[in-house]
Protein backbone atom coordinates (compact mmCIF):
# COMPACT_ATOMS: atom_id res chain seq x y z
CA MET A 1 -10.75 2.75 -39.38
CA ALA A 2 -9.44 -0.11 -37.23
CA LYS A 3 -11.88 -2.03 -35.11
CA VAL A 4 -11.82 -1.98 -31.33
CA ILE A 5 -10.75 -5.35 -29.95
CA GLY A 6 -12.84 -6.76 -27.11
CA PHE A 7 -11.99 -10.03 -25.39
CA SER A 8 -14.77 -12.28 -24.20
CA HIS A 9 -14.27 -13.67 -20.74
CA GLY A 10 -17.30 -15.75 -19.89
CA GLU A 11 -20.26 -13.42 -20.45
CA ASP A 12 -18.15 -10.27 -20.12
CA ILE A 13 -16.54 -8.32 -22.94
CA LEU A 14 -13.36 -6.57 -21.80
CA VAL A 15 -11.44 -3.84 -23.63
CA TRP A 16 -7.80 -3.75 -22.50
CA SER A 17 -6.46 -0.96 -24.70
CA ALA A 18 -6.57 2.56 -23.24
CA ALA A 19 -6.66 4.05 -26.74
CA ASP A 20 -9.67 1.88 -27.64
CA ALA A 21 -11.47 2.77 -24.39
CA ILE A 22 -10.95 6.49 -25.08
CA ARG A 23 -12.09 6.07 -28.69
CA LEU A 24 -15.30 4.32 -27.58
CA ARG A 25 -16.03 7.16 -25.19
CA LYS A 26 -15.22 10.05 -27.54
CA GLU A 27 -16.53 8.76 -30.85
CA TRP A 28 -19.36 6.44 -29.82
CA ARG A 29 -20.37 7.79 -26.39
CA VAL A 30 -19.99 4.30 -24.91
CA VAL A 31 -18.85 4.59 -21.32
CA GLY A 32 -18.65 1.00 -20.07
CA GLY A 33 -17.26 0.38 -16.62
CA LEU A 34 -13.64 0.34 -15.52
CA ILE A 35 -13.11 -2.72 -13.33
CA GLY A 36 -9.32 -3.05 -12.90
CA ALA A 37 -7.10 -1.99 -10.03
CA LEU A 38 -4.66 0.86 -10.52
CA PRO A 39 -1.03 -0.35 -10.56
CA GLN A 40 0.15 1.79 -7.64
CA ARG A 41 -3.10 1.64 -5.64
CA THR A 42 -4.19 -1.99 -5.75
CA ARG A 43 -5.97 -1.99 -2.37
CA GLN A 44 -8.37 0.85 -3.03
CA ASN A 45 -11.52 0.81 -5.11
CA ALA A 46 -12.53 4.48 -5.33
CA GLN A 47 -10.73 4.82 -8.66
CA LEU A 48 -10.48 1.95 -11.09
CA GLY A 49 -8.51 1.32 -14.28
CA LEU A 50 -8.45 -1.00 -17.29
CA PRO A 51 -9.97 -3.28 -18.41
CA LEU A 52 -13.17 -1.59 -19.53
CA LYS A 53 -16.16 -3.91 -19.14
CA LEU A 54 -18.91 -3.42 -21.72
CA SER A 55 -22.54 -4.16 -20.99
CA SER A 56 -24.47 -6.51 -23.28
CA GLU A 57 -26.33 -3.51 -24.78
CA GLU A 58 -23.09 -1.62 -25.46
CA THR A 59 -21.55 -4.73 -26.98
CA ALA A 60 -24.55 -5.38 -29.25
CA PHE A 61 -24.59 -1.73 -30.38
CA LEU A 62 -20.87 -1.67 -31.20
CA VAL A 63 -20.96 -5.01 -33.03
CA GLU A 64 -24.01 -3.86 -35.04
CA LYS A 65 -22.16 -0.67 -36.06
CA GLY A 66 -19.06 -2.67 -37.03
CA VAL A 67 -16.86 -0.96 -34.46
CA LEU A 68 -16.13 -3.87 -32.13
CA GLU A 69 -14.41 -7.15 -32.93
CA ILE A 70 -14.76 -9.79 -30.24
CA LYS A 71 -11.96 -12.28 -29.70
CA GLU A 72 -12.19 -15.31 -27.48
CA TYR A 73 -9.94 -15.29 -24.43
CA VAL A 74 -7.77 -18.40 -24.52
CA CYS A 75 -6.56 -19.65 -21.16
CA PRO A 76 -2.83 -20.36 -21.20
CA SER A 77 -1.67 -23.94 -20.95
CA PRO A 78 -0.88 -25.36 -17.52
CA ALA A 79 2.38 -24.24 -15.98
CA THR A 80 5.51 -26.19 -16.78
CA GLU A 81 8.62 -26.57 -14.65
CA GLU A 82 10.45 -24.10 -16.90
CA TRP A 83 7.64 -21.59 -16.45
CA GLY A 84 7.78 -22.08 -12.68
CA GLU A 85 11.54 -21.42 -12.62
CA ALA A 86 11.07 -18.26 -14.72
CA PHE A 87 8.32 -17.13 -12.35
CA ASP A 88 10.58 -17.70 -9.31
CA ARG A 89 13.40 -15.69 -10.92
CA LEU A 90 11.04 -12.84 -11.75
CA ARG A 91 9.61 -12.86 -8.23
CA GLU A 92 13.12 -12.67 -6.73
CA GLN A 93 14.04 -9.80 -9.07
CA ASN A 94 10.87 -7.91 -8.13
CA PHE A 95 11.51 -8.46 -4.44
CA ALA A 96 15.09 -7.16 -4.79
CA ARG A 97 13.78 -4.11 -6.65
CA GLN A 98 11.19 -3.45 -3.91
CA VAL A 99 13.89 -3.70 -1.24
CA ARG A 100 16.09 -1.22 -3.15
CA ARG A 101 13.16 1.17 -3.55
CA SER A 102 12.28 0.98 0.14
CA PHE A 103 15.91 1.74 1.07
CA ASP A 104 15.91 4.67 -1.38
CA VAL A 105 12.75 6.04 0.22
CA MET A 106 14.23 5.58 3.69
CA LEU A 107 17.43 7.39 2.68
CA MET A 108 15.41 10.18 1.10
CA ARG A 109 13.43 10.60 4.33
CA LEU A 110 16.66 10.52 6.29
CA ALA A 111 17.99 13.37 4.15
CA LEU A 112 14.93 15.41 5.16
CA CYS A 113 15.78 15.14 8.88
CA ARG A 114 17.34 18.12 10.59
CA PRO A 115 21.14 17.78 11.02
CA ASN A 116 20.99 17.57 14.84
CA GLU A 117 17.95 15.29 14.93
CA ASN A 118 18.23 11.61 15.82
CA PHE A 119 17.07 9.23 13.08
CA VAL A 120 14.59 7.48 15.37
CA ASN A 121 13.16 10.78 16.62
CA CYS A 122 12.90 12.09 13.08
CA PHE A 123 10.61 9.21 12.15
CA SER A 124 8.90 8.67 15.48
CA TRP A 125 5.56 8.99 13.72
CA ARG A 126 6.44 5.79 11.81
CA ILE A 127 7.96 3.85 14.71
CA THR A 128 5.96 2.72 17.72
CA SER A 129 9.02 1.55 19.65
CA LYS A 130 12.78 1.71 19.23
CA LYS A 131 12.81 -2.10 19.15
CA GLN A 132 11.48 -1.93 15.59
CA VAL A 133 14.73 -0.36 14.39
CA LYS A 134 17.28 -2.98 13.37
CA ASN A 135 20.91 -2.25 12.70
CA TYR A 136 22.37 -4.07 9.68
CA GLY A 137 25.96 -2.88 9.57
CA ASN A 138 25.86 0.80 8.66
CA LEU A 139 22.26 0.65 7.47
CA LEU A 140 19.29 1.19 9.76
CA VAL A 141 16.16 -0.64 8.68
CA LEU A 142 12.67 -0.03 10.04
């Protein structure tokens, strides 16, 4: 059976694979601690996600049983100009995607308004004053 891969980061051993984390829990009864933020809920900490942080006792047990293989985390080389340009392009693409998604959500909410209801009144719970509504051509933006 394949070994679980754990990456050492300082004194911590982190398991990044969901399948490996589930396998450790089911087969070896090793729980560890989830320490990562959830992708859609980054500002909350009631529920956490991968990586799974293993305690020193859990790590020693799994290594002794031959279940865990520890690999050293290698820090990537310093950023180059090419890397910076790629990062800027990706950031712009992500921003454009977020803007499109926010417009889609706004249009979906608009579709839920009653036919005779004013757009601003329909979303008065989201708008503290009518000055927050800006008119960009035919598109209203909050």
